[in-house]
């Protein structure tokens, strides 16, 4: 678990299922630091859960009515009130899909997991990509965080 502290907020990020997938969470620490600087993060706990395609497919079907696996799903539980010590959201990342995508674009699984983590984090903190203008803004922030 990483504890990122800034004068305005405290966010606790819990990585779940890392041992099952043999994922080292240390490379996420610099991303968290850059994310803190790029967005106003919420106060509270954020779970990042690594799952397989079957699990994320079930979530995708239940919550988005899409009966197929996806790479990342974000659930924002922020109510607008102080959530200090409470769950603010969850990011589900399919390691199966991440591996496929990493192979397709010829980069490492860690690079892909980093990208998906940043993408999910930004969704939790209000970013979206439904409109082209929002897509461009979110993509620019992602690139800045991933390549700083």
C-alpha atoms as a PDB file:
ATOM      1  CA  UNK A   1       0.000   0.000   0.000  1.00  0.00           C
ATOM      2  CA  UNK A   2       1.252   3.472  -0.834  1.00  0.00           C
ATOM      3  CA  UNK A   3       0.288   6.466   1.214  1.00  0.00           C
ATOM      4  CA  UNK A   4       0.486   9.661  -0.758  1.00  0.00           C
ATOM      5  CA  UNK A   5       0.300  12.784   1.373  1.00  0.00           C
ATOM      6  CA  UNK A   6      -0.188  16.366   0.352  1.00  0.00           C
ATOM      7  CA  UNK A   7      -1.408  19.266   2.444  1.00  0.00           C
ATOM      8  CA  UNK A   8      -4.830  19.153   0.805  1.00  0.00           C
ATOM      9  CA  UNK A   9      -5.564  15.421   0.799  1.00  0.00           C
ATOM     10  CA  UNK A  10      -4.572  11.975   1.895  1.00  0.00           C
ATOM     11  CA  UNK A  11      -5.080   9.096  -0.503  1.00  0.00           C
ATOM     12  CA  UNK A  12      -4.366   5.498   0.342  1.00  0.00           C
ATOM     13  CA  UNK A  13      -3.966   3.184  -2.639  1.00  0.00           C
ATOM     14  CA  UNK A  14      -4.364  -0.511  -1.991  1.00  0.00           C
ATOM     15  CA  UNK A  15      -3.183  -2.924  -4.677  1.00  0.00           C
ATOM     16  CA  UNK A  16      -5.100  -6.212  -4.522  1.00  0.00           C
ATOM     17  CA  UNK A  17      -4.207  -9.613  -6.081  1.00  0.00           C
ATOM     18  CA  UNK A  18      -0.608  -8.605  -6.774  1.00  0.00           C
ATOM     19  CA  UNK A  19       0.881 -11.832  -5.438  1.00  0.00           C
ATOM     20  CA  UNK A  20      -1.439 -13.980  -7.545  1.00  0.00           C
ATOM     21  CA  UNK A  21      -0.353 -12.121 -10.674  1.00  0.00           C
ATOM     22  CA  UNK A  22       3.279 -11.583  -9.583  1.00  0.00           C
ATOM     23  CA  UNK A  23       2.978  -7.817  -9.919  1.00  0.00           C
ATOM     24  CA  UNK A  24       5.529  -5.580  -8.247  1.00  0.00           C
ATOM     25  CA  UNK A  25       3.788  -2.397  -7.085  1.00  0.00           C
ATOM     26  CA  UNK A  26       6.996  -0.362  -6.630  1.00  0.00           C
ATOM     27  CA  UNK A  27       6.913   0.988 -10.233  1.00  0.00           C
ATOM     28  CA  UNK A  28       3.499   2.542  -9.517  1.00  0.00           C
ATOM     29  CA  UNK A  29       4.918   4.837  -6.818  1.00  0.00           C
ATOM     30  CA  UNK A  30       6.374   7.478  -9.207  1.00  0.00           C
ATOM     31  CA  UNK A  31       3.110   7.464 -11.155  1.00  0.00           C
ATOM     32  CA  UNK A  32       1.173   8.172  -7.977  1.00  0.00           C
ATOM     33  CA  UNK A  33       3.445  11.106  -7.237  1.00  0.00           C
ATOM     34  CA  UNK A  34       2.954  12.531 -10.739  1.00  0.00           C
ATOM     35  CA  UNK A  35      -0.806  11.924 -10.572  1.00  0.00           C
ATOM     36  CA  UNK A  36      -0.987  13.897  -7.315  1.00  0.00           C
ATOM     37  CA  UNK A  37       0.599  16.855  -9.061  1.00  0.00           C
ATOM     38  CA  UNK A  38      -1.570  16.587 -12.178  1.00  0.00           C
ATOM     39  CA  UNK A  39      -5.026  16.244 -10.606  1.00  0.00           C
ATOM     40  CA  UNK A  40      -6.779  17.161  -7.396  1.00  0.00           C
ATOM     41  CA  UNK A  41      -7.030  13.706  -5.871  1.00  0.00           C
ATOM     42  CA  UNK A  42      -9.820  12.781  -3.515  1.00  0.00           C
ATOM     43  CA  UNK A  43      -9.289  12.084   0.148  1.00  0.00           C
ATOM     44  CA  UNK A  44      -9.811   8.407   1.013  1.00  0.00           C
ATOM     45  CA  UNK A  45      -8.979   4.868  -0.066  1.00  0.00           C
ATOM     46  CA  UNK A  46      -8.640   3.698  -3.659  1.00  0.00           C
ATOM     47  CA  UNK A  47      -8.489  -0.030  -4.404  1.00  0.00           C
ATOM     48  CA  UNK A  48      -6.671  -1.254  -7.505  1.00  0.00           C
ATOM     49  CA  UNK A  49      -7.693  -4.855  -8.169  1.00  0.00           C
ATOM     50  CA  UNK A  50      -5.937  -7.085 -10.692  1.00  0.00           C
ATOM     51  CA  UNK A  51      -8.302  -9.654 -12.220  1.00  0.00           C
ATOM     52  CA  UNK A  52      -8.679 -12.033 -15.165  1.00  0.00           C
ATOM     53  CA  UNK A  53     -10.798 -11.588 -18.300  1.00  0.00           C
ATOM     54  CA  UNK A  54     -13.700 -13.653 -16.948  1.00  0.00           C
ATOM     55  CA  UNK A  55     -14.001 -11.455 -13.868  1.00  0.00           C
ATOM     56  CA  UNK A  56     -13.813  -8.142 -15.714  1.00  0.00           C
ATOM     57  CA  UNK A  57     -16.210  -9.446 -18.367  1.00  0.00           C
ATOM     58  CA  UNK A  58     -18.803 -10.142 -15.655  1.00  0.00           C
ATOM     59  CA  UNK A  59     -18.344  -6.613 -14.290  1.00  0.00           C
ATOM     60  CA  UNK A  60     -18.535  -5.112 -17.768  1.00  0.00           C
ATOM     61  CA  UNK A  61     -21.750  -7.006 -18.466  1.00  0.00           C
ATOM     62  CA  UNK A  62     -23.345  -6.105 -15.132  1.00  0.00           C
ATOM     63  CA  UNK A  63     -22.462  -2.411 -15.101  1.00  0.00           C
ATOM     64  CA  UNK A  64     -22.020  -1.412 -18.738  1.00  0.00           C
ATOM     65  CA  UNK A  65     -24.232  -4.002 -20.471  1.00  0.00           C
ATOM     66  CA  UNK A  66     -21.260  -5.081 -22.603  1.00  0.00           C
ATOM     67  CA  UNK A  67     -20.745  -8.846 -22.630  1.00  0.00           C
ATOM     68  CA  UNK A  68     -17.022  -8.844 -23.335  1.00  0.00           C
ATOM     69  CA  UNK A  69     -13.814  -8.363 -21.406  1.00  0.00           C
ATOM     70  CA  UNK A  70     -12.197  -4.960 -21.265  1.00  0.00           C
ATOM     71  CA  UNK A  71      -8.846  -3.728 -20.026  1.00  0.00           C
ATOM     72  CA  UNK A  72      -9.848  -1.444 -17.158  1.00  0.00           C
ATOM     73  CA  UNK A  73     -13.013  -0.450 -15.299  1.00  0.00           C
ATOM     74  CA  UNK A  74     -13.261   2.346 -12.766  1.00  0.00           C
ATOM     75  CA  UNK A  75     -15.937   2.817 -10.130  1.00  0.00           C
ATOM     76  CA  UNK A  76     -16.085   6.197  -8.406  1.00  0.00           C
ATOM     77  CA  UNK A  77     -17.804   6.115  -5.006  1.00  0.00           C
ATOM     78  CA  UNK A  78     -17.197   9.774  -4.192  1.00  0.00           C
ATOM     79  CA  UNK A  79     -20.320  11.457  -2.865  1.00  0.00           C
ATOM     80  CA  UNK A  80     -18.853  14.931  -2.629  1.00  0.00           C
ATOM     81  CA  UNK A  81     -18.434  14.650   1.128  1.00  0.00           C
ATOM     82  CA  UNK A  82     -15.252  14.154   3.131  1.00  0.00           C
ATOM     83  CA  UNK A  83     -14.322  10.487   2.622  1.00  0.00           C
ATOM     84  CA  UNK A  84     -11.221  10.435   4.837  1.00  0.00           C
ATOM     85  CA  UNK A  85     -10.576   6.785   5.626  1.00  0.00           C
ATOM     86  CA  UNK A  86     -13.415   5.613   3.374  1.00  0.00           C
ATOM     87  CA  UNK A  87     -13.432   3.935  -0.023  1.00  0.00           C
ATOM     88  CA  UNK A  88     -13.521   6.530  -2.803  1.00  0.00           C
ATOM     89  CA  UNK A  89     -13.344   4.095  -5.685  1.00  0.00           C
ATOM     90  CA  UNK A  90     -12.038   0.942  -7.301  1.00  0.00           C
ATOM     91  CA  UNK A  91     -10.038   0.292 -10.428  1.00  0.00           C
ATOM     92  CA  UNK A  92     -10.244  -3.207 -11.922  1.00  0.00           C
ATOM     93  CA  UNK A  93      -7.468  -4.107 -14.347  1.00  0.00           C
ATOM     94  CA  UNK A  94      -7.588  -7.282 -16.441  1.00  0.00           C
ATOM     95  CA  UNK A  95      -4.086  -8.708 -16.486  1.00  0.00           C
ATOM     96  CA  UNK A  96      -5.137 -11.086 -19.285  1.00  0.00           C
ATOM     97  CA  UNK A  97      -6.152  -8.199 -21.537  1.00  0.00           C
ATOM     98  CA  UNK A  98      -3.150  -6.124 -20.466  1.00  0.00           C
ATOM     99  CA  UNK A  99      -0.826  -8.929 -21.586  1.00  0.00           C
ATOM    100  CA  UNK A 100      -2.540  -9.142 -24.988  1.00  0.00           C
ATOM    101  CA  UNK A 101      -2.426  -5.383 -25.497  1.00  0.00           C
ATOM    102  CA  UNK A 102       1.211  -5.151 -24.428  1.00  0.00           C
ATOM    103  CA  UNK A 103       2.130  -7.798 -26.975  1.00  0.00           C
ATOM    104  CA  UNK A 104       0.135  -6.032 -29.722  1.00  0.00           C
ATOM    105  CA  UNK A 105       1.877  -2.693 -29.200  1.00  0.00           C
ATOM    106  CA  UNK A 106       5.227  -4.282 -28.381  1.00  0.00           C
ATOM    107  CA  UNK A 107       5.848  -2.950 -24.937  1.00  0.00           C
ATOM    108  CA  UNK A 108       6.156  -4.596 -21.526  1.00  0.00           C
ATOM    109  CA  UNK A 109       3.295  -5.799 -19.372  1.00  0.00           C
ATOM    110  CA  UNK A 110       4.455  -3.301 -16.744  1.00  0.00           C
ATOM    111  CA  UNK A 111       4.147  -0.448 -19.256  1.00  0.00           C
ATOM    112  CA  UNK A 112       0.603  -1.578 -20.041  1.00  0.00           C
ATOM    113  CA  UNK A 113      -0.366  -1.961 -16.375  1.00  0.00           C
ATOM    114  CA  UNK A 114       1.015   1.531 -15.715  1.00  0.00           C
ATOM    115  CA  UNK A 115      -1.054   2.935 -18.573  1.00  0.00           C
ATOM    116  CA  UNK A 116      -4.219   1.224 -17.351  1.00  0.00           C
ATOM    117  CA  UNK A 117      -3.638   2.330 -13.758  1.00  0.00           C
ATOM    118  CA  UNK A 118      -3.209   5.969 -14.827  1.00  0.00           C
ATOM    119  CA  UNK A 119      -6.265   5.745 -17.071  1.00  0.00           C
ATOM    120  CA  UNK A 120      -8.397   4.308 -14.274  1.00  0.00           C
ATOM    121  CA  UNK A 121      -7.087   6.837 -11.737  1.00  0.00           C
ATOM    122  CA  UNK A 122      -8.025   9.710 -14.034  1.00  0.00           C
ATOM    123  CA  UNK A 123     -11.541   8.289 -14.474  1.00  0.00           C
ATOM    124  CA  UNK A 124     -11.919   8.102 -10.692  1.00  0.00           C
ATOM    125  CA  UNK A 125     -10.932  11.766 -10.511  1.00  0.00           C
ATOM    126  CA  UNK A 126     -13.431  13.067 -13.037  1.00  0.00           C
ATOM    127  CA  UNK A 127     -11.748  12.629 -16.399  1.00  0.00           C
ATOM    128  CA  UNK A 128     -13.671  11.073 -19.270  1.00  0.00           C
ATOM    129  CA  UNK A 129     -13.300  10.539 -22.996  1.00  0.00           C
ATOM    130  CA  UNK A 130     -16.847  10.477 -24.357  1.00  0.00           C
ATOM    131  CA  UNK A 131     -16.361  13.696 -26.334  1.00  0.00           C
ATOM    132  CA  UNK A 132     -13.340  14.354 -28.549  1.00  0.00           C
ATOM    133  CA  UNK A 133     -12.325  17.416 -26.521  1.00  0.00           C
ATOM    134  CA  UNK A 134     -12.431  15.359 -23.297  1.00  0.00           C
ATOM    135  CA  UNK A 135     -10.486  12.547 -24.987  1.00  0.00           C
ATOM    136  CA  UNK A 136      -7.738  14.965 -26.022  1.00  0.00           C
ATOM    137  CA  UNK A 137      -7.522  16.452 -22.532  1.00  0.00           C
ATOM    138  CA  UNK A 138      -7.417  13.050 -20.818  1.00  0.00           C
ATOM    139  CA  UNK A 139      -4.884  11.680 -23.312  1.00  0.00           C
ATOM    140  CA  UNK A 140      -2.602  14.674 -22.799  1.00  0.00           C
ATOM    141  CA  UNK A 141      -2.640  14.198 -19.023  1.00  0.00           C
ATOM    142  CA  UNK A 142      -2.004  10.451 -19.417  1.00  0.00           C
ATOM    143  CA  UNK A 143       0.971  11.070 -21.684  1.00  0.00           C
ATOM    144  CA  UNK A 144       2.419  13.678 -19.339  1.00  0.00           C
ATOM    145  CA  UNK A 145       2.172  11.347 -16.348  1.00  0.00           C
ATOM    146  CA  UNK A 146       3.474   8.260 -18.142  1.00  0.00           C
ATOM    147  CA  UNK A 147       6.408   9.977 -19.853  1.00  0.00           C
ATOM    148  CA  UNK A 148       7.594  12.531 -17.300  1.00  0.00           C
END
